[in-house]
C-alpha atoms as a PDB file:
ATOM      1  CA  MET A   1      -0.148   0.071   0.239  1.00  0.00           C
ATOM      2  CA  LEU A   2       2.750   2.078   0.479  1.00  0.00           C
ATOM      3  CA  ALA A   3       4.392   1.562  -2.871  1.00  0.00           C
ATOM      4  CA  GLN A   4       0.992   2.813  -4.365  1.00  0.00           C
ATOM      5  CA  LYS A   5       1.014   6.110  -2.458  1.00  0.00           C
ATOM      6  CA  VAL A   6       4.553   6.726  -3.632  1.00  0.00           C
ATOM      7  CA  VAL A   7       3.142   6.298  -7.069  1.00  0.00           C
ATOM      8  CA  ASN A   8       0.290   8.625  -6.516  1.00  0.00           C
ATOM      9  CA  ILE A   9       2.602  11.053  -5.030  1.00  0.00           C
ATOM     10  CA  LEU A  10       5.282  11.070  -8.098  1.00  0.00           C
ATOM     11  CA  LYS A  11       2.038  11.242 -10.584  1.00  0.00           C
ATOM     12  CA  ASN A  12      -0.015  14.035  -8.466  1.00  0.00           C
ATOM     13  CA  ASP A  13       2.641  16.022  -7.335  1.00  0.00           C
ATOM     14  CA  HIS A  14       5.633  15.903  -9.845  1.00  0.00           C
ATOM     15  CA  ASP A  15       3.850  14.681 -12.902  1.00  0.00           C
ATOM     16  CA  ILE A  16       5.856  11.318 -13.237  1.00  0.00           C
ATOM     17  CA  ASP A  17       4.057   8.049 -14.155  1.00  0.00           C
ATOM     18  CA  VAL A  18       5.920   5.468 -12.874  1.00  0.00           C
ATOM     19  CA  PRO A  19       4.303   1.761 -12.526  1.00  0.00           C
ATOM     20  CA  ILE A  20       4.408   0.265  -9.199  1.00  0.00           C
ATOM     21  CA  THR A  21       6.609  -2.495 -10.494  1.00  0.00           C
ATOM     22  CA  LYS A  22       9.493  -0.194 -11.064  1.00  0.00           C
ATOM     23  CA  LEU A  23       9.359   0.658  -7.254  1.00  0.00           C
ATOM     24  CA  TYR A  24      10.272  -2.927  -6.868  1.00  0.00           C
ATOM     25  CA  GLN A  25      12.712  -2.996  -9.472  1.00  0.00           C
ATOM     26  CA  HIS A  26      14.446  -0.088  -8.182  1.00  0.00           C
ATOM     27  CA  PRO A  27      14.161  -0.476  -4.258  1.00  0.00           C
ATOM     28  CA  THR A  28      16.114   2.517  -3.141  1.00  0.00           C
ATOM     29  CA  ILE A  29      15.903   6.510  -3.934  1.00  0.00           C
ATOM     30  CA  ASP A  30      19.028   6.271  -5.780  1.00  0.00           C
ATOM     31  CA  ALA A  31      18.250   3.248  -8.053  1.00  0.00           C
ATOM     32  CA  LEU A  32      14.730   4.838  -8.712  1.00  0.00           C
ATOM     33  CA  GLN A  33      16.773   8.449  -9.600  1.00  0.00           C
ATOM     34  CA  LYS A  34      18.755   6.542 -11.609  1.00  0.00           C
ATOM     35  CA  PHE A  35      16.094   4.897 -13.713  1.00  0.00           C
ATOM     36  CA  LEU A  36      13.947   7.966 -14.065  1.00  0.00           C
ATOM     37  CA  LYS A  37      17.116   9.926 -15.547  1.00  0.00           C
ATOM     38  CA  GLY A  38      17.687   7.074 -17.754  1.00  0.00           C
ATOM     39  CA  GLU A  39      21.141   6.232 -16.387  1.00  0.00           C
ATOM     40  CA  GLU A  40      20.268   3.011 -15.075  1.00  0.00           C
ATOM     41  CA  LYS A  41      22.624   0.071 -16.487  1.00  0.00           C
ATOM     42  CA  SER A  42      21.270  -2.949 -17.439  1.00  0.00           C
ATOM     43  CA  LEU A  43      22.127  -6.325 -15.504  1.00  0.00           C
ATOM     44  CA  ARG A  44      20.866  -8.626 -18.080  1.00  0.00           C
ATOM     45  CA  ARG A  45      23.004 -10.696 -20.082  1.00  0.00           C
ATOM     46  CA  PRO A  46      22.902 -10.929 -23.751  1.00  0.00           C
ATOM     47  CA  VAL A  47      20.862 -14.013 -24.841  1.00  0.00           C
ATOM     48  CA  LYS A  48      22.940 -17.054 -26.236  1.00  0.00           C
ATOM     49  CA  LYS A  49      21.715 -18.715 -29.081  1.00  0.00           C
ATOM     50  CA  MET A  50      21.304 -22.557 -28.013  1.00  0.00           C
ATOM     51  CA  THR A  51      22.411 -25.633 -29.517  1.00  0.00           C
ATOM     52  CA  SER A  52      19.777 -27.882 -31.496  1.00  0.00           C
ATOM     53  CA  GLY A  53      21.286 -30.694 -28.874  1.00  0.00           C
ATOM     54  CA  TYR A  54      20.572 -28.767 -25.858  1.00  0.00           C
ATOM     55  CA  LEU A  55      16.848 -27.750 -27.048  1.00  0.00           C
ATOM     56  CA  THR A  56      16.279 -31.608 -27.737  1.00  0.00           C
ATOM     57  CA  MET A  57      17.609 -32.321 -24.444  1.00  0.00           C
ATOM     58  CA  LEU A  58      15.208 -30.068 -22.714  1.00  0.00           C
ATOM     59  CA  SER A  59      12.229 -31.385 -24.780  1.00  0.00           C
ATOM     60  CA  ARG A  60      12.478 -34.635 -23.115  1.00  0.00           C
END
């Protein structure tokens, strides 16, 4: 419920529309600020192509 309150304050007082999920993905003020400024670095790794043998093994 507190997260929804933060979302409402950001929207109503600062005209910033942030999905509630972003508050959980960026749980600190610093992380949320970097996200809002677009400075966040992705922690995801590039997707690697799987070999067909590996896919066959997974389908069993």
